[in-house]
Amino acid sequence: MPLVQPGESRISTAQKIVSWLFRESELSLSFVEWAKLFSATIIKNNHQFSKDFFDALSQKIRTSFEDPNLSNAKKELILYNALSYLAFANPQEDQIITIKGIDYSVEKIQLTSGWLSAPYYAYGLRALTDQDAQSYLIFQGSTTPSDNGFLAGLLADTRPHGTIGAQLYSRGQEEIQQWIDEEHRRTQKRVVCTGASLGGAMSLHAHIHQPNKVDFFVLNPPSLTSREKRIYENQQHDPSTASEPRILKMVSHIIDPVWSLGSCYLPRGTMVYRHGDNDEYKFLAHARSSDCRAESFEPQFVILESNELVKNKYWKSLKPFLFFGVLILHVIALPIRVMIQVTYEISHLCAKHTPPSAEEEASSYSRMINDLPTGEKKNLDSETKPAHITSLFPEAPSPSPAGTAKELNDDSSVQKNIQPFRG
C-alpha cells in the first residue's frame, strides 16, 4: 500500500526510503535529497529527517493493518521490520506509535555510559490504551557515524572473543533485564524483542538469558556460538509454558553475509524464513525487508531442525584486526567524547541547582493541589501558599450557597472572578 494518501502531492525523502526498504519501489532521489541524506547519516543527525522517518514507519504499520489484501503473516513481517527500522529514527522519550489499534509510548533505555562513544539505546514500547497488551523491546543494529551508538556498535561487532553483540549486551544487561522483569510482571505476558542485524543479535541474547520472559522476532541477525548455546541450555525453563504459543522467529535473506558470522546456532524451537534471490547485492539484501506486497509469495516459516555448530574460521581470524581498528577510532574520538560528556554533566548539574521561577513554582503547586483528594483541598487556604504564588493566583470570592451550582455552571460568572495572569 502506498505511503502517500490520496490528496497528498509530495513524497518526502523518508517516505521514499521506507518504500524502497519494503521493496515497493526503486530508490529515486534528487541530488539535493542525496546530499541531505549523506549529511544526516554521515556528518550530523538531522532531527527533522529522523522525525519524518519515524512518521513514515508509523504510517506504514498503520496502513498495513488496515489493508484487507494483506495476510496476517505479511502484516506481522511488516510490523517487525518497521519496528527494527524505527530504532534508526532516533525515537524520543514518550513519542507515540500505534500498533494494532493500541497506542504505545517510547521509553529510551541507555545501555552504555556515553564516555567512550555516544550512548547506545534500546527502545521499550509500553501500551498506553491497553495496560494488558504485550510490550516490545527494540534493539538498534549497527548504525551510521552521525547516529548514537556508532562506535559502541562497531566494538560489539568486532570483539575477538564471543559472538556479535555479547559485549554490548553485557554492558547493558542490568537495565535490559530490569525493564523486561517489570513489563513481564505488569502485563503477565512475555516481552517481544526485535531488531535487525546487531539488533537481532541483541534480541537473541535477551532471549537466551531470560527464555521464560522473552520472545523474539529478528531480521538478518548474525548466528550465535557455542558460548550462547551453553548459557541457554543452563537456564531454568518453565515447563508450564511449554504448550503456550511463542513468537520465536528469524527472517534472513538467502545470501545475507551476516548470518555466517557465528556458529549457525539458534535457540531450539526457532522458526526460520529464508527469502530473496541469489543475484541481489548482498549488503543491500541485508538492509532491506522481505517482499511483503499483496501479490508476492506468502512467507513460509519452518522449525529449525538442526543446531549443529559450524564455525567460521575466516571471520574468527579477521576480527582481531578489525577490533584493533575500532580501538584506534575510539582513541581518536575519546578527547571529543570526554569534552562532550563533561559539558553535558556540568550543564545537567547547573540545571539541578538553578532555582525554579515563580511561574514554574506556581504550576508545580497547582499540579500538587489537583492531585489531592477533595477533602484535603478544602483544608487548604491561602495561608499555605507562598506569597508569590498567592499573588499569581489570587483567591476568587466564594459564591453564595444558594447560587453555588448556578454560578459554577455560568461561564460569565466564573470569568469575572479570574484575575488576568501577568508573567
Protein backbone atom coordinates (compact mmCIF):
# COMPACT_ATOMS: atom_id res chain seq x y z
CA MET A 1 0.00 0.00 0.00
CA PRO A 2 1.48 3.43 -0.91
CA LEU A 3 2.69 5.62 1.91
CA VAL A 4 1.19 8.77 0.45
CA GLN A 5 -2.57 9.03 0.86
CA PRO A 6 -4.95 10.46 -1.80
CA GLY A 7 -4.77 14.23 -1.82
CA GLU A 8 -1.09 14.35 -0.80
CA SER A 9 1.12 15.69 -3.58
CA ARG A 10 4.64 15.44 -2.18
CA ILE A 11 6.50 12.30 -1.16
CA SER A 12 9.14 13.05 1.46
CA THR A 13 12.65 11.59 1.33
CA ALA A 14 11.83 9.45 4.37
CA GLN A 15 8.74 8.02 2.66
CA LYS A 16 10.79 7.17 -0.44
CA ILE A 17 13.35 5.34 1.71
CA VAL A 18 10.65 3.38 3.57
CA SER A 19 9.04 2.42 0.26
CA TRP A 20 12.44 1.20 -1.00
CA LEU A 21 13.20 -0.72 2.20
CA PHE A 22 9.92 -2.63 1.83
CA ARG A 23 10.59 -3.34 -1.87
CA GLU A 24 7.62 -1.31 -3.10
CA SER A 25 9.66 0.95 -5.40
CA GLU A 26 13.17 1.77 -6.51
CA LEU A 27 15.03 4.50 -4.63
CA SER A 28 14.90 7.62 -6.78
CA LEU A 29 16.25 10.75 -5.04
CA SER A 30 17.25 14.13 -6.41
CA PHE A 31 20.79 15.47 -5.95
CA VAL A 32 19.62 17.67 -3.08
CA GLU A 33 17.90 14.71 -1.38
CA TRP A 34 21.04 12.58 -1.71
CA ALA A 35 23.11 15.41 -0.24
CA LYS A 36 20.75 15.81 2.72
CA LEU A 37 20.70 12.05 3.28
CA PHE A 38 24.51 11.90 3.21
CA SER A 39 24.72 14.77 5.69
CA ALA A 40 22.11 13.22 8.04
CA THR A 41 23.79 9.80 8.12
CA ILE A 42 27.50 10.68 7.95
CA ILE A 43 28.02 14.22 9.27
CA LYS A 44 25.29 15.28 11.70
CA ASN A 45 22.00 13.75 12.78
CA ASN A 46 19.07 15.66 11.29
CA HIS A 47 16.20 15.77 13.80
CA GLN A 48 13.60 16.66 11.18
CA PHE A 49 14.66 13.75 8.95
CA SER A 50 14.54 11.40 11.98
CA LYS A 51 11.03 12.58 12.78
CA ASP A 52 9.92 12.16 9.16
CA PHE A 53 11.39 8.64 9.13
CA PHE A 54 9.59 7.78 12.39
CA ASP A 55 6.30 9.12 10.99
CA ALA A 56 6.71 7.23 7.70
CA LEU A 57 7.32 3.95 9.55
CA SER A 58 4.36 4.61 11.85
CA GLN A 59 2.19 5.22 8.80
CA LYS A 60 3.49 2.02 7.18
CA ILE A 61 2.45 -0.02 10.23
CA ARG A 62 -0.96 1.62 10.42
CA THR A 63 -1.83 1.27 6.72
CA SER A 64 -0.66 -2.35 6.57
CA PHE A 65 -3.04 -3.41 9.33
CA GLU A 66 -5.86 -1.57 7.54
CA ASP A 67 -5.16 -3.32 4.22
CA PRO A 68 -7.63 -6.22 3.71
CA ASN A 69 -5.48 -7.66 0.91
CA LEU A 70 -2.54 -8.47 3.20
CA SER A 71 -2.39 -11.76 5.09
CA ASN A 72 -1.70 -11.83 8.82
CA ALA A 73 1.75 -13.30 8.16
CA LYS A 74 2.70 -10.35 5.92
CA LYS A 75 1.29 -7.85 8.41
CA GLU A 76 3.47 -9.46 11.07
CA LEU A 77 6.53 -9.20 8.80
CA ILE A 78 5.84 -5.54 8.09
CA LEU A 79 5.33 -4.78 11.77
CA TYR A 80 8.64 -6.23 12.97
CA ASN A 81 10.64 -4.90 10.04
CA ALA A 82 9.20 -1.43 10.67
CA LEU A 83 9.95 -1.66 14.40
CA SER A 84 13.53 -2.71 13.63
CA TYR A 85 13.96 0.30 11.32
CA LEU A 86 12.33 2.51 13.97
CA ALA A 87 15.45 2.26 16.12
CA PHE A 88 17.32 4.20 13.41
CA ALA A 89 14.77 7.06 13.58
CA ASN A 90 16.18 8.34 16.88
CA PRO A 91 12.90 7.82 18.81
CA GLN A 92 12.32 10.29 21.63
CA GLU A 93 11.05 9.64 25.13
CA ASP A 94 7.22 9.44 25.27
CA GLN A 95 6.86 9.54 21.47
CA ILE A 96 3.67 7.70 20.46
CA ILE A 97 3.24 4.91 17.92
CA THR A 98 0.05 2.95 17.20
CA ILE A 99 0.24 -0.85 16.76
CA LYS A 100 -2.90 -2.89 16.04
CA GLY A 101 -5.07 -0.01 17.27
CA ILE A 102 -3.17 0.33 20.57
CA ASP A 103 -1.12 3.43 21.39
CA TYR A 104 2.39 2.73 22.67
CA SER A 105 4.80 5.14 24.35
CA VAL A 106 8.55 5.04 23.68
CA GLU A 107 10.91 4.59 26.61
CA LYS A 108 14.63 5.10 25.96
CA ILE A 109 16.87 2.65 27.82
CA GLN A 110 20.52 3.73 27.91
CA LEU A 111 22.84 0.73 27.77
CA THR A 112 26.28 2.40 27.60
CA SER A 113 27.74 5.30 29.55
CA GLY A 114 28.46 7.77 26.77
CA TRP A 115 32.07 8.39 27.74
CA LEU A 116 33.79 6.19 25.15
CA SER A 117 31.16 6.70 22.45
CA ALA A 118 27.75 8.26 22.02
CA PRO A 119 25.30 6.23 24.18
CA TYR A 120 23.71 3.13 22.71
CA TYR A 121 19.97 2.92 23.43
CA ALA A 122 17.34 0.23 23.41
CA TYR A 123 13.73 1.37 22.98
CA GLY A 124 10.89 -0.05 25.03
CA LEU A 125 7.31 0.25 23.83
CA ARG A 126 4.73 0.26 26.64
CA ALA A 127 1.00 0.23 25.85
CA LEU A 128 -0.99 3.29 26.94
CA THR A 129 -4.54 2.42 25.91
CA ASP A 130 -4.48 -1.28 26.90
CA GLN A 131 -2.46 -1.93 30.04
CA ASP A 132 -2.50 -5.71 29.46
CA ALA A 133 -1.12 -5.52 25.92
CA GLN A 134 2.22 -7.16 25.19
CA SER A 135 5.28 -4.89 25.40
CA TYR A 136 8.05 -4.62 22.80
CA LEU A 137 11.78 -4.04 23.19
CA ILE A 138 13.65 -2.78 20.10
CA PHE A 139 17.42 -3.04 19.71
CA GLN A 140 19.27 -0.96 17.13
CA GLY A 141 21.52 -2.53 14.54
CA SER A 142 24.95 -1.25 13.55
CA THR A 143 24.34 2.34 12.57
CA THR A 144 25.84 5.31 10.75
CA PRO A 145 28.58 7.69 12.02
CA SER A 146 26.14 10.50 12.83
CA ASP A 147 23.89 8.31 14.98
CA ASN A 148 24.01 7.35 18.65
CA GLY A 149 25.95 4.19 19.45
CA PHE A 150 28.05 4.11 16.26
CA LEU A 151 31.37 3.23 17.92
CA ALA A 152 29.67 1.07 20.57
CA GLY A 153 28.08 -0.94 17.77
CA LEU A 154 31.40 -1.40 15.94
CA LEU A 155 33.00 -2.56 19.18
CA ALA A 156 30.20 -5.09 19.68
CA ASP A 157 30.55 -6.32 16.08
CA THR A 158 34.30 -6.92 16.18
CA ARG A 159 35.09 -8.14 19.69
CA PRO A 160 37.57 -11.04 19.19
CA HIS A 161 36.02 -13.33 21.82
CA GLY A 162 32.36 -14.25 21.80
CA THR A 163 29.61 -13.67 19.32
CA ILE A 164 28.43 -10.36 17.91
CA GLY A 165 26.52 -8.32 20.47
CA ALA A 166 27.66 -10.29 23.55
CA GLN A 167 29.87 -7.49 24.86
CA LEU A 168 27.23 -4.82 24.25
CA TYR A 169 24.53 -6.92 25.91
CA SER A 170 26.72 -7.45 28.99
CA ARG A 171 27.27 -3.67 29.29
CA GLY A 172 23.53 -3.03 29.48
CA GLN A 173 22.39 -6.38 30.89
CA GLU A 174 21.14 -4.97 34.20
CA GLU A 175 18.99 -2.29 32.53
CA ILE A 176 17.65 -4.73 29.91
CA GLN A 177 16.67 -7.41 32.39
CA GLN A 178 15.16 -4.90 34.82
CA TRP A 179 12.89 -3.46 32.09
CA ILE A 180 11.88 -6.95 30.92
CA ASP A 181 11.15 -8.07 34.50
CA GLU A 182 8.95 -5.01 35.13
CA GLU A 183 6.96 -5.41 31.91
CA HIS A 184 6.53 -9.16 32.34
CA ARG A 185 5.28 -8.64 35.89
CA ARG A 186 2.95 -5.79 34.86
CA THR A 187 1.35 -7.43 31.80
CA GLN A 188 1.78 -11.13 32.68
CA LYS A 189 2.95 -11.54 29.08
CA ARG A 190 6.36 -12.13 27.55
CA VAL A 191 8.18 -9.15 26.08
CA VAL A 192 8.82 -9.41 22.33
CA CYS A 193 12.36 -8.33 21.43
CA THR A 194 13.13 -7.32 17.86
CA GLY A 195 15.89 -5.78 15.80
CA ALA A 196 17.87 -6.15 12.60
CA SER A 197 21.50 -7.29 12.28
CA LEU A 198 23.23 -6.35 15.57
CA GLY A 199 19.76 -5.54 16.94
CA GLY A 200 18.69 -9.08 16.10
CA ALA A 201 21.72 -10.47 17.91
CA MET A 202 20.86 -8.38 20.98
CA SER A 203 17.30 -9.76 20.88
CA LEU A 204 18.63 -13.32 20.79
CA HIS A 205 20.92 -12.59 23.75
CA ALA A 206 17.93 -11.24 25.68
CA HIS A 207 16.05 -14.48 24.98
CA ILE A 208 18.80 -16.92 25.93
CA HIS A 209 19.29 -15.10 29.26
CA GLN A 210 15.55 -14.86 30.04
CA PRO A 211 13.84 -17.56 27.94
CA ASN A 212 10.68 -17.65 30.06
CA LYS A 213 10.08 -13.88 29.77
CA VAL A 214 11.27 -13.03 26.25
CA ASP A 215 10.07 -13.90 22.76
CA PHE A 216 11.85 -12.64 19.64
CA PHE A 217 11.26 -11.75 16.00
CA VAL A 218 14.64 -10.93 14.45
CA LEU A 219 15.72 -9.80 10.97
CA ASN A 220 19.01 -10.80 9.30
CA PRO A 221 20.88 -11.45 12.57
CA PRO A 222 24.32 -13.00 12.96
CA SER A 223 24.08 -16.51 14.35
CA LEU A 224 25.09 -17.41 17.89
CA THR A 225 28.01 -19.56 19.07
CA SER A 226 28.69 -22.45 21.45
CA ARG A 227 29.00 -19.96 24.32
CA GLU A 228 25.38 -18.86 23.92
CA LYS A 229 24.33 -22.49 23.49
CA ARG A 230 25.79 -23.32 26.91
CA ILE A 231 24.11 -20.28 28.52
CA TYR A 232 20.74 -21.19 27.02
CA GLU A 233 20.90 -24.86 27.99
CA ASN A 234 21.85 -23.94 31.57
CA GLN A 235 18.78 -21.71 32.01
CA GLN A 236 15.83 -22.94 34.05
CA HIS A 237 13.00 -23.36 31.54
CA ASP A 238 9.48 -23.15 32.97
CA PRO A 239 7.73 -26.40 31.90
CA SER A 240 4.29 -24.85 32.46
CA THR A 241 4.83 -22.55 29.46
CA ALA A 242 5.88 -25.32 27.06
CA SER A 243 2.44 -25.55 25.43
CA GLU A 244 1.88 -21.78 25.18
CA PRO A 245 2.21 -20.16 21.73
CA ARG A 246 5.57 -18.48 21.33
CA ILE A 247 6.99 -15.91 18.92
CA LEU A 248 10.45 -17.31 18.17
CA LYS A 249 11.10 -16.27 14.59
CA MET A 250 14.10 -15.40 12.45
CA VAL A 251 13.92 -13.90 8.93
CA SER A 252 17.03 -13.86 6.78
CA HIS A 253 17.90 -13.31 3.13
CA ILE A 254 19.35 -16.42 1.47
CA ILE A 255 22.59 -14.57 0.60
CA ASP A 256 22.79 -12.46 3.75
CA PRO A 257 26.53 -12.22 4.61
CA VAL A 258 25.94 -11.57 8.34
CA TRP A 259 24.26 -14.88 9.23
CA SER A 260 27.52 -16.83 8.93
CA LEU A 261 29.37 -14.51 11.38
CA GLY A 262 28.83 -17.02 14.15
CA SER A 263 28.45 -20.78 14.53
CA CYS A 264 24.96 -21.07 12.96
CA TYR A 265 23.30 -21.68 16.34
CA LEU A 266 19.76 -20.57 17.24
CA PRO A 267 17.66 -21.47 20.31
CA ARG A 268 15.55 -24.57 19.90
CA GLY A 269 12.05 -24.05 18.58
CA THR A 270 13.09 -21.12 16.37
CA MET A 271 11.04 -20.79 13.19
CA VAL A 272 13.10 -19.65 10.19
CA TYR A 273 12.06 -17.90 6.97
CA ARG A 274 14.68 -17.53 4.23
CA HIS A 275 13.76 -15.32 1.27
CA GLY A 276 15.18 -13.46 -1.73
CA ASP A 277 17.15 -14.07 -4.92
CA ASN A 278 20.76 -15.08 -5.42
CA ASP A 279 21.50 -12.24 -7.84
CA GLU A 280 20.81 -9.43 -5.36
CA TYR A 281 23.64 -7.30 -3.98
CA LYS A 282 24.50 -8.83 -0.58
CA PHE A 283 24.70 -5.73 1.58
CA LEU A 284 21.53 -4.20 0.15
CA ALA A 285 19.80 -7.53 0.73
CA HIS A 286 20.93 -7.34 4.35
CA ALA A 287 19.38 -3.90 4.80
CA ARG A 288 16.01 -4.44 3.10
CA SER A 289 12.84 -6.19 4.20
CA SER A 290 11.43 -9.28 2.56
CA ASP A 291 8.79 -8.62 -0.11
CA CYS A 292 5.50 -8.09 1.77
CA ARG A 293 3.34 -6.82 -1.09
CA ALA A 294 -0.08 -8.42 -1.51
CA GLU A 295 0.91 -10.02 -4.83
CA SER A 296 4.15 -11.58 -3.51
CA PHE A 297 4.53 -15.15 -2.21
CA GLU A 298 3.31 -15.95 1.27
CA PRO A 299 6.14 -16.31 3.84
CA GLN A 300 6.83 -19.91 4.83
CA PHE A 301 8.37 -20.43 8.28
CA VAL A 302 9.92 -23.79 9.12
CA ILE A 303 11.10 -25.02 12.51
CA LEU A 304 14.87 -25.24 12.77
CA GLU A 305 15.65 -28.96 12.88
CA SER A 306 19.41 -28.97 13.34
CA ASN A 307 21.53 -27.00 15.78
CA GLU A 308 24.84 -28.34 14.52
CA LEU A 309 27.57 -25.77 15.14
CA VAL A 310 29.55 -24.61 12.09
CA LYS A 311 32.46 -22.35 13.00
CA ASN A 312 33.55 -19.53 10.70
CA LYS A 313 37.36 -19.65 10.96
CA TYR A 314 37.84 -16.81 8.45
CA TRP A 315 35.72 -14.38 10.47
CA LYS A 316 37.35 -15.52 13.71
CA SER A 317 40.82 -14.74 12.35
CA LEU A 318 39.70 -11.40 10.85
CA LYS A 319 38.02 -10.00 13.97
CA PRO A 320 41.21 -9.11 15.94
CA PHE A 321 42.40 -6.82 13.12
CA LEU A 322 39.00 -5.14 12.81
CA PHE A 323 38.82 -4.79 16.59
CA PHE A 324 42.23 -3.08 16.64
CA GLY A 325 41.00 -0.59 14.01
CA VAL A 326 37.89 0.16 16.09
CA LEU A 327 40.06 0.75 19.16
CA ILE A 328 42.07 3.32 17.18
CA LEU A 329 38.82 5.09 16.29
CA HIS A 330 37.91 5.11 19.98
CA VAL A 331 41.27 6.65 20.88
CA ILE A 332 40.81 9.37 18.25
CA ALA A 333 37.27 10.11 19.38
CA LEU A 334 37.97 9.88 23.14
CA PRO A 335 39.04 13.53 23.76
CA ILE A 336 35.97 14.79 21.87
CA ARG A 337 33.67 12.39 23.73
CA VAL A 338 35.15 13.43 27.10
CA MET A 339 34.61 17.13 26.34
CA ILE A 340 31.03 16.48 25.22
CA GLN A 341 30.28 14.36 28.29
CA VAL A 342 31.87 16.82 30.75
CA THR A 343 29.88 19.68 29.20
CA TYR A 344 26.71 17.62 29.49
CA GLU A 345 27.39 16.71 33.14
CA ILE A 346 28.13 20.35 34.07
CA SER A 347 25.00 21.67 32.35
CA HIS A 348 22.93 18.94 33.97
CA LEU A 349 24.39 19.80 37.40
CA CYS A 350 23.73 23.52 36.91
CA ALA A 351 20.14 22.83 35.86
CA LYS A 352 19.56 20.83 39.04
CA HIS A 353 20.79 23.72 41.24
CA THR A 354 19.01 26.52 39.39
CA PRO A 355 16.02 27.69 41.49
CA PRO A 356 12.68 27.45 39.69
CA SER A 357 10.95 30.60 38.53
CA ALA A 358 7.77 31.87 40.17
CA GLU A 359 5.70 30.62 37.25
CA GLU A 360 7.26 27.12 37.49
CA GLU A 361 6.59 27.01 41.25
CA ALA A 362 3.00 28.13 40.67
CA SER A 363 2.49 25.43 38.04
CA SER A 364 4.01 22.78 40.35
CA TYR A 365 1.79 23.95 43.23
CA SER A 366 -1.32 23.76 41.04
CA ARG A 367 -0.50 20.20 39.96
CA MET A 368 0.07 19.23 43.60
CA ILE A 369 -3.32 20.65 44.63
CA ASN A 370 -5.11 18.92 41.75
CA ASP A 371 -3.67 15.57 42.83
CA LEU A 372 -5.04 15.91 46.38
CA PRO A 373 -8.33 14.28 47.44
CA THR A 374 -11.31 16.65 47.58
CA GLY A 375 -11.44 16.65 51.40
CA GLU A 376 -7.81 17.72 51.71
CA LYS A 377 -8.26 20.50 49.14
CA LYS A 378 -10.93 22.11 51.36
CA ASN A 379 -8.50 22.24 54.29
CA LEU A 380 -6.01 24.32 52.29
CA ASP A 381 -6.34 28.09 52.36
CA SER A 382 -4.31 30.96 51.05
CA GLU A 383 -2.01 30.88 54.12
CA THR A 384 -0.49 27.60 52.90
CA LYS A 385 0.58 29.16 49.61
CA PRO A 386 3.84 31.00 49.19
CA ALA A 387 3.23 34.73 48.86
CA HIS A 388 4.41 34.93 45.24
CA ILE A 389 2.08 32.07 44.25
CA THR A 390 -0.84 33.76 46.02
CA SER A 391 -0.11 36.92 44.05
CA LEU A 392 -0.01 34.97 40.79
CA PHE A 393 -3.27 33.14 41.54
CA PRO A 394 -5.44 35.33 43.82
CA GLU A 395 -8.39 33.73 45.55
CA ALA A 396 -11.74 34.18 43.84
CA PRO A 397 -14.62 35.26 46.09
CA SER A 398 -16.75 32.37 47.28
CA PRO A 399 -20.21 32.16 45.72
CA SER A 400 -23.26 32.30 47.93
CA PRO A 401 -24.59 28.87 48.99
CA ALA A 402 -27.88 29.37 47.18
CA GLY A 403 -26.25 30.19 43.89
CA THR A 404 -23.27 27.81 44.01
CA ALA A 405 -24.37 25.34 41.34
CA LYS A 406 -25.77 28.06 39.10
CA GLU A 407 -22.67 30.26 39.33
CA LEU A 408 -20.22 27.40 38.76
CA ASN A 409 -22.07 26.44 35.60
CA ASP A 410 -22.27 30.04 34.39
CA ASP A 411 -19.14 30.79 32.34
CA SER A 412 -19.60 34.54 32.62
CA SER A 413 -19.81 34.35 36.42
CA VAL A 414 -16.59 32.35 36.59
CA GLN A 415 -14.77 34.61 34.18
CA LYS A 416 -15.50 37.68 36.33
CA ASN A 417 -13.66 36.05 39.24
CA ILE A 418 -10.50 35.18 37.28
CA GLN A 419 -7.74 37.75 37.55
CA PRO A 420 -5.54 38.27 34.48
CA PHE A 421 -2.18 36.47 34.68
CA ARG A 422 0.82 38.67 34.09
CA GLY A 423 4.02 36.61 33.80
